[in-house]
Amino acid sequence: MSPKKRYTNLDHMSSGNSLHDLLRWQSERRKNPKDLSLSIEQAPSKETSRLFANRTEASITWIGHSTFLIQMNGLNMITDPVWASRMPIMKRLTKPGIKLNELPEIDAVLISHGHYDHLDFATIRRLKGKPTYFVPAGLGRAFKRRGYKKVVEGEWYDSFLLDDLTFTFVPAQHWTKRTLTDTNTSHWGGWIIESREHSVYFVGDTGYFRGFKEIAARFTIDTVLMPIGAYEPDWFMKVDHINPEDAVKAFLELNGKTFIPMHYGAYHLADDTGPEAIERLDAEWNRQQLNASQLRKLLIGETHWL
């Protein structure tokens, strides 16, 4: 049997963290516990009925973490669908913004990479509809052996058409692993969804990297769904997770019109908390005197109508 392909980042960038580094981080975490009682708020009212029936308007609804319901051109799309109440070793801190059974039928599922907080097959089994699964190269086999047939694998900058939408898989700086032996045997990245009227860039999970400038040179981007959490301690997380200040830097390099933050508040993945991430994002936005209307901080379950 030939060895499985192992994927790498641009410039072969890697965190290089060792077991010693991991133990050092865990020791630091125990000495400096964070208050997890403050969490990101749920939207006071949710538009589930309107979303369920919608086939004409474009919308983005934050379910929580990296999960969004995106509606464009009459299609219902889900990014990194995770409704799990816990990951293998941690409990979810915030409930998903919309119940799974309140979703409309899904036409497309977009997966950024295989980490458990981004890919939950128990959730996928419960999605309504018969979606097409757009996944990174190397991850298709995990879907196909579970019986899913409408699976499309993408290498970086591969584009695919579904009805009148174009889906392009673009680089991110990260890594992936689901078992003891499959480290980086599938790829990671973000997805750009383009219609004639609008473009949405789901960044996925990433550190800050030169790829943002490269992506900006190739695409016109309207709405950026940008991660801002899981960045502390900086010495351990910097390569793989972007902090709020660098997220703003990346947004400016992308020349986007609207910044919607994600990947914060749902799980205690690192030493930062959701409220801390938002506080730093606001501080950087104000420091650079950026247009307040371009920053759209959604509550969990809140819908942004495009």
C-alpha atoms as a PDB file:
ATOM      1  CA  MET A   1       0.000   0.000   0.000  1.00  0.00           C
ATOM      2  CA  SER A   2       1.432   3.373  -1.012  1.00  0.00           C
ATOM      3  CA  PRO A   3       1.818   5.978   1.760  1.00  0.00           C
ATOM      4  CA  LYS A   4      -0.925   8.581   2.063  1.00  0.00           C
ATOM      5  CA  LYS A   5      -0.208  12.064   0.765  1.00  0.00           C
ATOM      6  CA  ARG A   6       0.573  14.607   3.467  1.00  0.00           C
ATOM      7  CA  TYR A   7      -0.505  18.198   2.867  1.00  0.00           C
ATOM      8  CA  THR A   8       1.457  21.295   3.845  1.00  0.00           C
ATOM      9  CA  ASN A   9       0.975  25.032   4.200  1.00  0.00           C
ATOM     10  CA  LEU A  10       2.300  27.737   1.931  1.00  0.00           C
ATOM     11  CA  ASP A  11       6.065  28.014   2.458  1.00  0.00           C
ATOM     12  CA  HIS A  12       5.777  24.751   4.453  1.00  0.00           C
ATOM     13  CA  MET A  13       4.881  26.816   7.505  1.00  0.00           C
ATOM     14  CA  SER A  14       4.302  24.671  10.588  1.00  0.00           C
ATOM     15  CA  SER A  15       3.772  25.442  14.248  1.00  0.00           C
ATOM     16  CA  GLY A  16       6.521  22.993  15.158  1.00  0.00           C
ATOM     17  CA  ASN A  17       5.041  22.556  18.643  1.00  0.00           C
ATOM     18  CA  SER A  18       6.396  19.554  20.537  1.00  0.00           C
ATOM     19  CA  LEU A  19       4.948  17.427  23.323  1.00  0.00           C
ATOM     20  CA  HIS A  20       7.070  19.507  25.700  1.00  0.00           C
ATOM     21  CA  ASP A  21       5.405  22.670  24.350  1.00  0.00           C
ATOM     22  CA  LEU A  22       1.965  21.138  24.849  1.00  0.00           C
ATOM     23  CA  LEU A  23       2.739  20.218  28.444  1.00  0.00           C
ATOM     24  CA  ARG A  24       4.134  23.706  29.065  1.00  0.00           C
ATOM     25  CA  TRP A  25       0.920  25.259  27.727  1.00  0.00           C
ATOM     26  CA  GLN A  26      -1.291  23.009  29.836  1.00  0.00           C
ATOM     27  CA  SER A  27       0.759  23.914  32.910  1.00  0.00           C
ATOM     28  CA  GLU A  28       0.338  27.632  32.130  1.00  0.00           C
ATOM     29  CA  ARG A  29      -3.405  27.144  31.618  1.00  0.00           C
ATOM     30  CA  ARG A  30      -3.839  25.515  35.035  1.00  0.00           C
ATOM     31  CA  LYS A  31      -2.048  28.431  36.706  1.00  0.00           C
ATOM     32  CA  ASN A  32      -4.188  31.061  34.927  1.00  0.00           C
ATOM     33  CA  PRO A  33      -7.775  29.775  34.733  1.00  0.00           C
ATOM     34  CA  LYS A  34     -10.251  31.887  32.754  1.00  0.00           C
ATOM     35  CA  ASP A  35     -13.798  32.814  33.722  1.00  0.00           C
ATOM     36  CA  LEU A  36     -15.998  30.917  31.266  1.00  0.00           C
ATOM     37  CA  SER A  37     -19.268  32.051  32.823  1.00  0.00           C
ATOM     38  CA  LEU A  38     -19.498  35.018  30.436  1.00  0.00           C
ATOM     39  CA  SER A  39     -20.560  33.800  27.021  1.00  0.00           C
ATOM     40  CA  ILE A  40     -21.662  35.190  23.672  1.00  0.00           C
ATOM     41  CA  GLU A  41     -25.345  36.102  23.692  1.00  0.00           C
ATOM     42  CA  GLN A  42     -28.116  34.454  21.769  1.00  0.00           C
ATOM     43  CA  ALA A  43     -30.136  36.700  19.456  1.00  0.00           C
ATOM     44  CA  PRO A  44     -33.296  37.798  21.332  1.00  0.00           C
ATOM     45  CA  SER A  45     -35.455  36.940  18.323  1.00  0.00           C
ATOM     46  CA  LYS A  46     -34.663  34.519  15.516  1.00  0.00           C
ATOM     47  CA  GLU A  47     -36.039  34.398  12.009  1.00  0.00           C
ATOM     48  CA  THR A  48     -36.342  30.632  11.682  1.00  0.00           C
ATOM     49  CA  SER A  49     -39.705  30.696   9.885  1.00  0.00           C
ATOM     50  CA  ARG A  50     -38.495  33.266   7.372  1.00  0.00           C
ATOM     51  CA  LEU A  51     -35.257  31.341   6.802  1.00  0.00           C
ATOM     52  CA  PHE A  52     -37.106  28.050   6.416  1.00  0.00           C
ATOM     53  CA  ALA A  53     -39.304  29.453   3.642  1.00  0.00           C
ATOM     54  CA  ASN A  54     -36.700  31.706   2.020  1.00  0.00           C
ATOM     55  CA  ARG A  55     -35.644  30.925  -1.550  1.00  0.00           C
ATOM     56  CA  THR A  56     -35.252  34.455  -2.910  1.00  0.00           C
ATOM     57  CA  GLU A  57     -33.256  36.608  -0.483  1.00  0.00           C
ATOM     58  CA  ALA A  58     -29.559  36.326   0.379  1.00  0.00           C
ATOM     59  CA  SER A  59     -28.767  35.836   4.049  1.00  0.00           C
ATOM     60  CA  ILE A  60     -26.071  34.727   6.489  1.00  0.00           C
ATOM     61  CA  THR A  61     -27.065  33.297   9.879  1.00  0.00           C
ATOM     62  CA  TRP A  62     -24.487  32.529  12.559  1.00  0.00           C
ATOM     63  CA  ILE A  63     -25.270  29.207  14.209  1.00  0.00           C
ATOM     64  CA  GLY A  64     -22.134  29.464  16.359  1.00  0.00           C
ATOM     65  CA  HIS A  65     -18.381  28.777  16.160  1.00  0.00           C
ATOM     66  CA  SER A  66     -17.677  28.247  12.408  1.00  0.00           C
ATOM     67  CA  THR A  67     -21.183  27.133  11.471  1.00  0.00           C
ATOM     68  CA  PHE A  68     -23.271  29.426   9.261  1.00  0.00           C
ATOM     69  CA  LEU A  69     -26.463  28.954   7.296  1.00  0.00           C
ATOM     70  CA  ILE A  70     -25.884  30.851   4.049  1.00  0.00           C
ATOM     71  CA  GLN A  71     -28.708  31.431   1.586  1.00  0.00           C
ATOM     72  CA  MET A  72     -27.900  32.683  -1.911  1.00  0.00           C
ATOM     73  CA  ASN A  73     -29.570  32.220  -5.297  1.00  0.00           C
ATOM     74  CA  GLY A  74     -32.250  30.042  -3.753  1.00  0.00           C
ATOM     75  CA  LEU A  75     -29.725  27.570  -2.283  1.00  0.00           C
ATOM     76  CA  ASN A  76     -29.302  26.689   1.382  1.00  0.00           C
ATOM     77  CA  MET A  77     -25.685  26.129   2.427  1.00  0.00           C
ATOM     78  CA  ILE A  78     -24.067  25.138   5.722  1.00  0.00           C
ATOM     79  CA  THR A  79     -20.422  25.749   6.641  1.00  0.00           C
ATOM     80  CA  ASP A  80     -18.637  23.342   9.013  1.00  0.00           C
ATOM     81  CA  PRO A  81     -21.878  21.963  10.516  1.00  0.00           C
ATOM     82  CA  VAL A  82     -21.399  21.132  14.201  1.00  0.00           C
ATOM     83  CA  TRP A  83     -24.373  20.881  16.538  1.00  0.00           C
ATOM     84  CA  ALA A  84     -22.579  18.585  19.009  1.00  0.00           C
ATOM     85  CA  SER A  85     -23.041  19.450  22.685  1.00  0.00           C
ATOM     86  CA  ARG A  86     -19.453  18.465  23.322  1.00  0.00           C
ATOM     87  CA  MET A  87     -16.206  17.629  21.610  1.00  0.00           C
ATOM     88  CA  PRO A  88     -14.351  14.508  22.751  1.00  0.00           C
ATOM     89  CA  ILE A  89     -12.789  16.307  25.729  1.00  0.00           C
ATOM     90  CA  MET A  90     -14.722  19.558  26.146  1.00  0.00           C
ATOM     91  CA  LYS A  91     -18.299  20.705  26.597  1.00  0.00           C
ATOM     92  CA  ARG A  92     -19.868  23.281  24.316  1.00  0.00           C
ATOM     93  CA  LEU A  93     -20.212  26.658  26.057  1.00  0.00           C
ATOM     94  CA  THR A  94     -23.026  28.100  23.914  1.00  0.00           C
ATOM     95  CA  LYS A  95     -26.037  26.438  22.335  1.00  0.00           C
ATOM     96  CA  PRO A  96     -26.349  26.495  18.525  1.00  0.00           C
ATOM     97  CA  GLY A  97     -28.352  29.488  17.376  1.00  0.00           C
ATOM     98  CA  ILE A  98     -30.934  27.432  15.493  1.00  0.00           C
ATOM     99  CA  LYS A  99     -32.092  23.930  16.310  1.00  0.00           C
ATOM    100  CA  LEU A 100     -31.045  21.342  13.770  1.00  0.00           C
ATOM    101  CA  ASN A 101     -34.636  20.332  13.044  1.00  0.00           C
ATOM    102  CA  GLU A 102     -35.554  23.957  12.318  1.00  0.00           C
ATOM    103  CA  LEU A 103     -33.221  24.180   9.336  1.00  0.00           C
ATOM    104  CA  PRO A 104     -34.543  24.090   5.780  1.00  0.00           C
ATOM    105  CA  GLU A 105     -33.385  21.367   3.405  1.00  0.00           C
ATOM    106  CA  ILE A 106     -29.690  21.844   2.709  1.00  0.00           C
ATOM    107  CA  ASP A 107     -28.320  21.999  -0.842  1.00  0.00           C
ATOM    108  CA  ALA A 108     -24.592  22.290  -0.112  1.00  0.00           C
ATOM    109  CA  VAL A 109     -22.266  21.620   2.805  1.00  0.00           C
ATOM    110  CA  LEU A 110     -18.857  23.343   2.855  1.00  0.00           C
ATOM    111  CA  ILE A 111     -16.125  21.808   5.009  1.00  0.00           C
ATOM    112  CA  SER A 112     -12.935  23.726   5.802  1.00  0.00           C
ATOM    113  CA  HIS A 113     -10.990  20.816   7.331  1.00  0.00           C
ATOM    114  CA  GLY A 114     -11.353  17.667   9.389  1.00  0.00           C
ATOM    115  CA  HIS A 115     -10.882  18.809  12.998  1.00  0.00           C
ATOM    116  CA  TYR A 116     -13.776  17.715  15.198  1.00  0.00           C
ATOM    117  CA  ASP A 117     -14.982  21.253  15.952  1.00  0.00           C
ATOM    118  CA  HIS A 118     -15.447  21.743  12.193  1.00  0.00           C
ATOM    119  CA  LEU A 119     -16.607  18.305  11.016  1.00  0.00           C
ATOM    120  CA  ASP A 120     -19.160  16.327  13.018  1.00  0.00           C
ATOM    121  CA  PHE A 121     -20.620  13.346  11.183  1.00  0.00           C
ATOM    122  CA  ALA A 122     -23.360  12.927  13.810  1.00  0.00           C
ATOM    123  CA  THR A 123     -24.620  16.375  12.781  1.00  0.00           C
ATOM    124  CA  ILE A 124     -24.266  15.649   9.076  1.00  0.00           C
ATOM    125  CA  ARG A 125     -26.408  12.517   9.395  1.00  0.00           C
ATOM    126  CA  ARG A 126     -29.262  14.673  10.710  1.00  0.00           C
ATOM    127  CA  LEU A 127     -29.214  17.379   8.022  1.00  0.00           C
ATOM    128  CA  LYS A 128     -32.359  17.527   5.901  1.00  0.00           C
ATOM    129  CA  GLY A 129     -32.128  17.336   2.129  1.00  0.00           C
ATOM    130  CA  LYS A 130     -29.624  15.662  -0.167  1.00  0.00           C
ATOM    131  CA  PRO A 131     -26.742  18.118  -0.204  1.00  0.00           C
ATOM    132  CA  THR A 132     -23.564  18.138  -2.216  1.00  0.00           C
ATOM    133  CA  TYR A 133     -20.564  17.994   0.115  1.00  0.00           C
ATOM    134  CA  PHE A 134     -17.667  20.251  -0.859  1.00  0.00           C
ATOM    135  CA  VAL A 135     -14.633  19.040   1.069  1.00  0.00           C
ATOM    136  CA  PRO A 136     -10.841  19.450   1.045  1.00  0.00           C
ATOM    137  CA  ALA A 137      -8.753  17.007  -0.961  1.00  0.00           C
ATOM    138  CA  GLY A 138      -8.179  13.788   0.931  1.00  0.00           C
ATOM    139  CA  LEU A 139     -11.316  14.096   3.067  1.00  0.00           C
ATOM    140  CA  GLY A 140     -13.723  12.629   0.522  1.00  0.00           C
ATOM    141  CA  ARG A 141     -12.978   9.050   1.524  1.00  0.00           C
ATOM    142  CA  ALA A 142     -14.264   9.720   5.051  1.00  0.00           C
ATOM    143  CA  PHE A 143     -17.599  10.761   3.530  1.00  0.00           C
ATOM    144  CA  LYS A 144     -17.798   8.031   0.915  1.00  0.00           C
ATOM    145  CA  ARG A 145     -17.173   5.191   3.338  1.00  0.00           C
ATOM    146  CA  ARG A 146     -20.159   6.503   5.305  1.00  0.00           C
ATOM    147  CA  GLY A 147     -22.334   6.225   2.222  1.00  0.00           C
ATOM    148  CA  TYR A 148     -22.350   9.806   0.959  1.00  0.00           C
ATOM    149  CA  LYS A 149     -22.085   9.882  -2.826  1.00  0.00           C
ATOM    150  CA  LYS A 150     -22.439  13.576  -3.732  1.00  0.00           C
ATOM    151  CA  VAL A 151     -18.935  14.485  -2.567  1.00  0.00           C
ATOM    152  CA  VAL A 152     -16.654  16.966  -4.341  1.00  0.00           C
ATOM    153  CA  GLU A 153     -13.006  17.239  -3.282  1.00  0.00           C
ATOM    154  CA  GLY A 154     -11.038  20.425  -3.827  1.00  0.00           C
ATOM    155  CA  GLU A 155      -7.379  21.293  -4.064  1.00  0.00           C
ATOM    156  CA  TRP A 156      -6.479  24.938  -3.475  1.00  0.00           C
ATOM    157  CA  TYR A 157      -8.014  27.199  -6.149  1.00  0.00           C
ATOM    158  CA  ASP A 158     -10.231  24.470  -7.605  1.00  0.00           C
ATOM    159  CA  SER A 159     -13.640  25.908  -8.564  1.00  0.00           C
ATOM    160  CA  PHE A 160     -16.996  24.139  -8.871  1.00  0.00           C
ATOM    161  CA  LEU A 161     -20.432  25.144 -10.118  1.00  0.00           C
ATOM    162  CA  LEU A 162     -23.741  24.365  -8.433  1.00  0.00           C
ATOM    163  CA  ASP A 163     -26.725  25.929 -10.158  1.00  0.00           C
ATOM    164  CA  ASP A 164     -25.618  29.558 -10.607  1.00  0.00           C
ATOM    165  CA  LEU A 165     -23.085  29.640  -7.766  1.00  0.00           C
ATOM    166  CA  THR A 166     -19.321  29.157  -7.974  1.00  0.00           C
ATOM    167  CA  PHE A 167     -17.482  27.552  -5.056  1.00  0.00           C
ATOM    168  CA  THR A 168     -13.689  27.945  -4.888  1.00  0.00           C
ATOM    169  CA  PHE A 169     -11.468  26.246  -2.327  1.00  0.00           C
ATOM    170  CA  VAL A 170      -8.722  28.634  -1.234  1.00  0.00           C
ATOM    171  CA  PRO A 171      -5.650  28.334   1.018  1.00  0.00           C
ATOM    172  CA  ALA A 172      -5.509  28.642   4.776  1.00  0.00           C
ATOM    173  CA  GLN A 173      -2.625  28.187   7.207  1.00  0.00           C
ATOM    174  CA  HIS A 174      -3.543  25.350   9.509  1.00  0.00           C
ATOM    175  CA  TRP A 175      -3.328  21.536   9.872  1.00  0.00           C
ATOM    176  CA  THR A 176      -5.697  18.646  10.546  1.00  0.00           C
ATOM    177  CA  LYS A 177      -5.989  15.341  12.369  1.00  0.00           C
ATOM    178  CA  ARG A 178      -8.861  13.023  13.350  1.00  0.00           C
ATOM    179  CA  THR A 179      -7.007   9.837  14.360  1.00  0.00           C
ATOM    180  CA  LEU A 180      -3.559   8.837  15.555  1.00  0.00           C
ATOM    181  CA  THR A 181      -2.338   8.102  12.023  1.00  0.00           C
ATOM    182  CA  ASP A 182      -4.027  10.598   9.685  1.00  0.00           C
ATOM    183  CA  THR A 183      -2.216  13.858  10.495  1.00  0.00           C
ATOM    184  CA  ASN A 184      -2.449  16.170   7.447  1.00  0.00           C
ATOM    185  CA  THR A 185      -3.643  13.391   5.122  1.00  0.00           C
ATOM    186  CA  SER A 186      -6.453  15.730   4.066  1.00  0.00           C
ATOM    187  CA  HIS A 187      -6.181  19.405   3.217  1.00  0.00           C
ATOM    188  CA  TRP A 188      -7.543  22.545   4.874  1.00  0.00           C
ATOM    189  CA  GLY A 189      -8.688  25.881   3.539  1.00  0.00           C
ATOM    190  CA  GLY A 190     -11.549  28.307   3.067  1.00  0.00           C
ATOM    191  CA  TRP A 191     -14.386  28.581   0.559  1.00  0.00           C
ATOM    192  CA  ILE A 192     -15.392  31.529  -1.585  1.00  0.00           C
ATOM    193  CA  ILE A 193     -19.011  31.509  -2.746  1.00  0.00           C
ATOM    194  CA  GLU A 194     -19.756  33.731  -5.720  1.00  0.00           C
ATOM    195  CA  SER A 195     -23.000  34.744  -7.350  1.00  0.00           C
ATOM    196  CA  ARG A 196     -23.596  37.509  -9.854  1.00  0.00           C
ATOM    197  CA  GLU A 197     -24.632  39.846  -7.047  1.00  0.00           C
ATOM    198  CA  HIS A 198     -22.448  38.904  -4.106  1.00  0.00           C
ATOM    199  CA  SER A 199     -19.403  37.006  -2.850  1.00  0.00           C
ATOM    200  CA  VAL A 200     -18.873  35.440   0.568  1.00  0.00           C
ATOM    201  CA  TYR A 201     -15.473  34.254   1.802  1.00  0.00           C
ATOM    202  CA  PHE A 202     -15.689  31.632   4.545  1.00  0.00           C
ATOM    203  CA  VAL A 203     -12.107  31.772   5.782  1.00  0.00           C
ATOM    204  CA  GLY A 204     -12.170  28.525   7.765  1.00  0.00           C
ATOM    205  CA  ASP A 205      -9.512  28.041  10.458  1.00  0.00           C
ATOM    206  CA  THR A 206      -6.183  29.765   9.917  1.00  0.00           C
ATOM    207  CA  GLY A 207      -3.262  31.727  11.191  1.00  0.00           C
ATOM    208  CA  TYR A 208      -2.313  35.000   9.526  1.00  0.00           C
ATOM    209  CA  PHE A 209      -0.395  34.270   6.304  1.00  0.00           C
ATOM    210  CA  ARG A 210       0.562  35.751   2.952  1.00  0.00           C
ATOM    211  CA  GLY A 211      -2.278  33.842   1.331  1.00  0.00           C
ATOM    212  CA  PHE A 212      -4.709  36.643   2.137  1.00  0.00           C
ATOM    213  CA  LYS A 213      -2.914  38.972  -0.287  1.00  0.00           C
ATOM    214  CA  GLU A 214      -2.806  36.203  -2.872  1.00  0.00           C
ATOM    215  CA  ILE A 215      -6.544  35.580  -2.520  1.00  0.00           C
ATOM    216  CA  ALA A 216      -7.282  39.308  -2.753  1.00  0.00           C
ATOM    217  CA  ALA A 217      -5.413  39.455  -6.052  1.00  0.00           C
ATOM    218  CA  ARG A 218      -7.660  36.747  -7.508  1.00  0.00           C
ATOM    219  CA  PHE A 219     -11.118  37.595  -6.134  1.00  0.00           C
ATOM    220  CA  THR A 220     -13.437  40.470  -5.415  1.00  0.00           C
ATOM    221  CA  ILE A 221     -14.819  39.769  -1.957  1.00  0.00           C
ATOM    222  CA  ASP A 222     -17.851  41.355  -0.360  1.00  0.00           C
ATOM    223  CA  THR A 223     -18.479  39.558   2.954  1.00  0.00           C
ATOM    224  CA  VAL A 224     -15.691  37.923   4.978  1.00  0.00           C
ATOM    225  CA  LEU A 225     -16.525  35.322   7.632  1.00  0.00           C
ATOM    226  CA  MET A 226     -13.320  35.661   9.646  1.00  0.00           C
ATOM    227  CA  PRO A 227     -12.070  33.649  12.655  1.00  0.00           C
ATOM    228  CA  ILE A 228     -10.921  35.667  15.660  1.00  0.00           C
ATOM    229  CA  GLY A 229     -10.597  33.123  18.519  1.00  0.00           C
ATOM    230  CA  ALA A 230      -8.283  30.408  19.906  1.00  0.00           C
ATOM    231  CA  TYR A 231      -5.172  32.611  19.742  1.00  0.00           C
ATOM    232  CA  GLU A 232      -3.708  32.396  23.288  1.00  0.00           C
ATOM    233  CA  PRO A 233      -0.996  31.689  24.218  1.00  0.00           C
ATOM    234  CA  ASP A 234       0.470  33.436  21.228  1.00  0.00           C
ATOM    235  CA  TRP A 235       3.721  31.445  21.336  1.00  0.00           C
ATOM    236  CA  PHE A 236       1.763  28.198  20.898  1.00  0.00           C
ATOM    237  CA  MET A 237      -1.172  29.238  18.693  1.00  0.00           C
ATOM    238  CA  LYS A 238       0.159  31.935  16.348  1.00  0.00           C
ATOM    239  CA  VAL A 239       0.879  29.800  13.273  1.00  0.00           C
ATOM    240  CA  ASP A 240      -2.496  28.014  13.282  1.00  0.00           C
ATOM    241  CA  HIS A 241      -4.970  30.569  14.705  1.00  0.00           C
ATOM    242  CA  ILE A 242      -5.328  34.227  13.847  1.00  0.00           C
ATOM    243  CA  ASN A 243      -5.742  36.791  16.619  1.00  0.00           C
ATOM    244  CA  PRO A 244      -8.246  39.687  16.392  1.00  0.00           C
ATOM    245  CA  GLU A 245      -5.650  42.283  15.403  1.00  0.00           C
ATOM    246  CA  ASP A 246      -4.264  40.163  12.580  1.00  0.00           C
ATOM    247  CA  ALA A 247      -7.822  39.297  11.538  1.00  0.00           C
ATOM    248  CA  VAL A 248      -8.448  43.017  10.944  1.00  0.00           C
ATOM    249  CA  LYS A 249      -5.159  43.250   9.048  1.00  0.00           C
ATOM    250  CA  ALA A 250      -6.209  40.327   6.853  1.00  0.00           C
ATOM    251  CA  PHE A 251      -9.633  41.869   6.218  1.00  0.00           C
ATOM    252  CA  LEU A 252      -8.031  45.092   5.025  1.00  0.00           C
ATOM    253  CA  GLU A 253      -5.706  43.144   2.734  1.00  0.00           C
ATOM    254  CA  LEU A 254      -8.740  41.323   1.293  1.00  0.00           C
ATOM    255  CA  ASN A 255     -10.470  44.647   0.507  1.00  0.00           C
ATOM    256  CA  GLY A 256     -13.691  43.200   1.870  1.00  0.00           C
ATOM    257  CA  LYS A 257     -16.854  45.213   2.434  1.00  0.00           C
ATOM    258  CA  THR A 258     -18.232  43.489   5.552  1.00  0.00           C
ATOM    259  CA  PHE A 259     -16.405  41.667   8.370  1.00  0.00           C
ATOM    260  CA  ILE A 260     -18.384  39.014  10.284  1.00  0.00           C
ATOM    261  CA  PRO A 261     -16.351  37.414  13.096  1.00  0.00           C
ATOM    262  CA  MET A 262     -16.565  33.702  13.930  1.00  0.00           C
ATOM    263  CA  HIS A 263     -14.671  30.878  15.679  1.00  0.00           C
ATOM    264  CA  TYR A 264     -15.024  32.252  19.193  1.00  0.00           C
ATOM    265  CA  GLY A 265     -17.125  31.592  22.269  1.00  0.00           C
ATOM    266  CA  ALA A 266     -18.385  28.057  21.577  1.00  0.00           C
ATOM    267  CA  TYR A 267     -15.450  25.977  22.837  1.00  0.00           C
ATOM    268  CA  HIS A 268     -12.554  26.660  25.203  1.00  0.00           C
ATOM    269  CA  LEU A 269      -9.995  25.656  22.574  1.00  0.00           C
ATOM    270  CA  ALA A 270      -7.252  27.965  23.815  1.00  0.00           C
ATOM    271  CA  ASP A 271      -6.716  30.373  26.712  1.00  0.00           C
ATOM    272  CA  ASP A 272      -8.729  33.301  25.350  1.00  0.00           C
ATOM    273  CA  THR A 273     -12.480  33.630  25.832  1.00  0.00           C
ATOM    274  CA  GLY A 274     -15.207  34.795  23.460  1.00  0.00           C
ATOM    275  CA  PRO A 275     -15.773  38.140  25.208  1.00  0.00           C
ATOM    276  CA  GLU A 276     -12.013  38.799  25.212  1.00  0.00           C
ATOM    277  CA  ALA A 277     -11.808  38.140  21.460  1.00  0.00           C
ATOM    278  CA  ILE A 278     -14.635  40.585  20.744  1.00  0.00           C
ATOM    279  CA  GLU A 279     -13.121  43.208  23.060  1.00  0.00           C
ATOM    280  CA  ARG A 280      -9.786  43.029  21.220  1.00  0.00           C
ATOM    281  CA  LEU A 281     -11.538  43.106  17.838  1.00  0.00           C
ATOM    282  CA  ASP A 282     -13.459  46.247  18.812  1.00  0.00           C
ATOM    283  CA  ALA A 283     -10.319  47.898  20.166  1.00  0.00           C
ATOM    284  CA  GLU A 284      -8.377  47.266  16.952  1.00  0.00           C
ATOM    285  CA  TRP A 285     -11.291  48.408  14.777  1.00  0.00           C
ATOM    286  CA  ASN A 286     -11.508  51.653  16.753  1.00  0.00           C
ATOM    287  CA  ARG A 287      -7.730  52.115  16.861  1.00  0.00           C
ATOM    288  CA  GLN A 288      -7.609  52.062  13.072  1.00  0.00           C
ATOM    289  CA  GLN A 289     -10.712  54.293  12.868  1.00  0.00           C
ATOM    290  CA  LEU A 290     -12.441  51.897  10.500  1.00  0.00           C
ATOM    291  CA  ASN A 291     -16.007  52.302   9.317  1.00  0.00           C
ATOM    292  CA  ALA A 292     -18.255  50.933  12.069  1.00  0.00           C
ATOM    293  CA  SER A 293     -20.869  49.837   9.530  1.00  0.00           C
ATOM    294  CA  GLN A 294     -18.406  47.352   8.003  1.00  0.00           C
ATOM    295  CA  LEU A 295     -18.108  45.341  11.232  1.00  0.00           C
ATOM    296  CA  ARG A 296     -21.142  43.093  11.702  1.00  0.00           C
ATOM    297  CA  LYS A 297     -20.907  41.206  14.992  1.00  0.00           C
ATOM    298  CA  LEU A 298     -23.729  38.697  14.937  1.00  0.00           C
ATOM    299  CA  LEU A 299     -25.318  37.300  18.046  1.00  0.00           C
ATOM    300  CA  ILE A 300     -25.751  33.559  18.025  1.00  0.00           C
ATOM    301  CA  GLY A 301     -28.725  32.762  15.807  1.00  0.00           C
ATOM    302  CA  GLU A 302     -28.809  36.269  14.308  1.00  0.00           C
ATOM    303  CA  THR A 303     -29.294  36.747  10.562  1.00  0.00           C
ATOM    304  CA  HIS A 304     -27.531  39.263   8.346  1.00  0.00           C
ATOM    305  CA  TRP A 305     -29.594  39.970   5.220  1.00  0.00           C
ATOM    306  CA  LEU A 306     -27.360  40.849   2.291  1.00  0.00           C
END
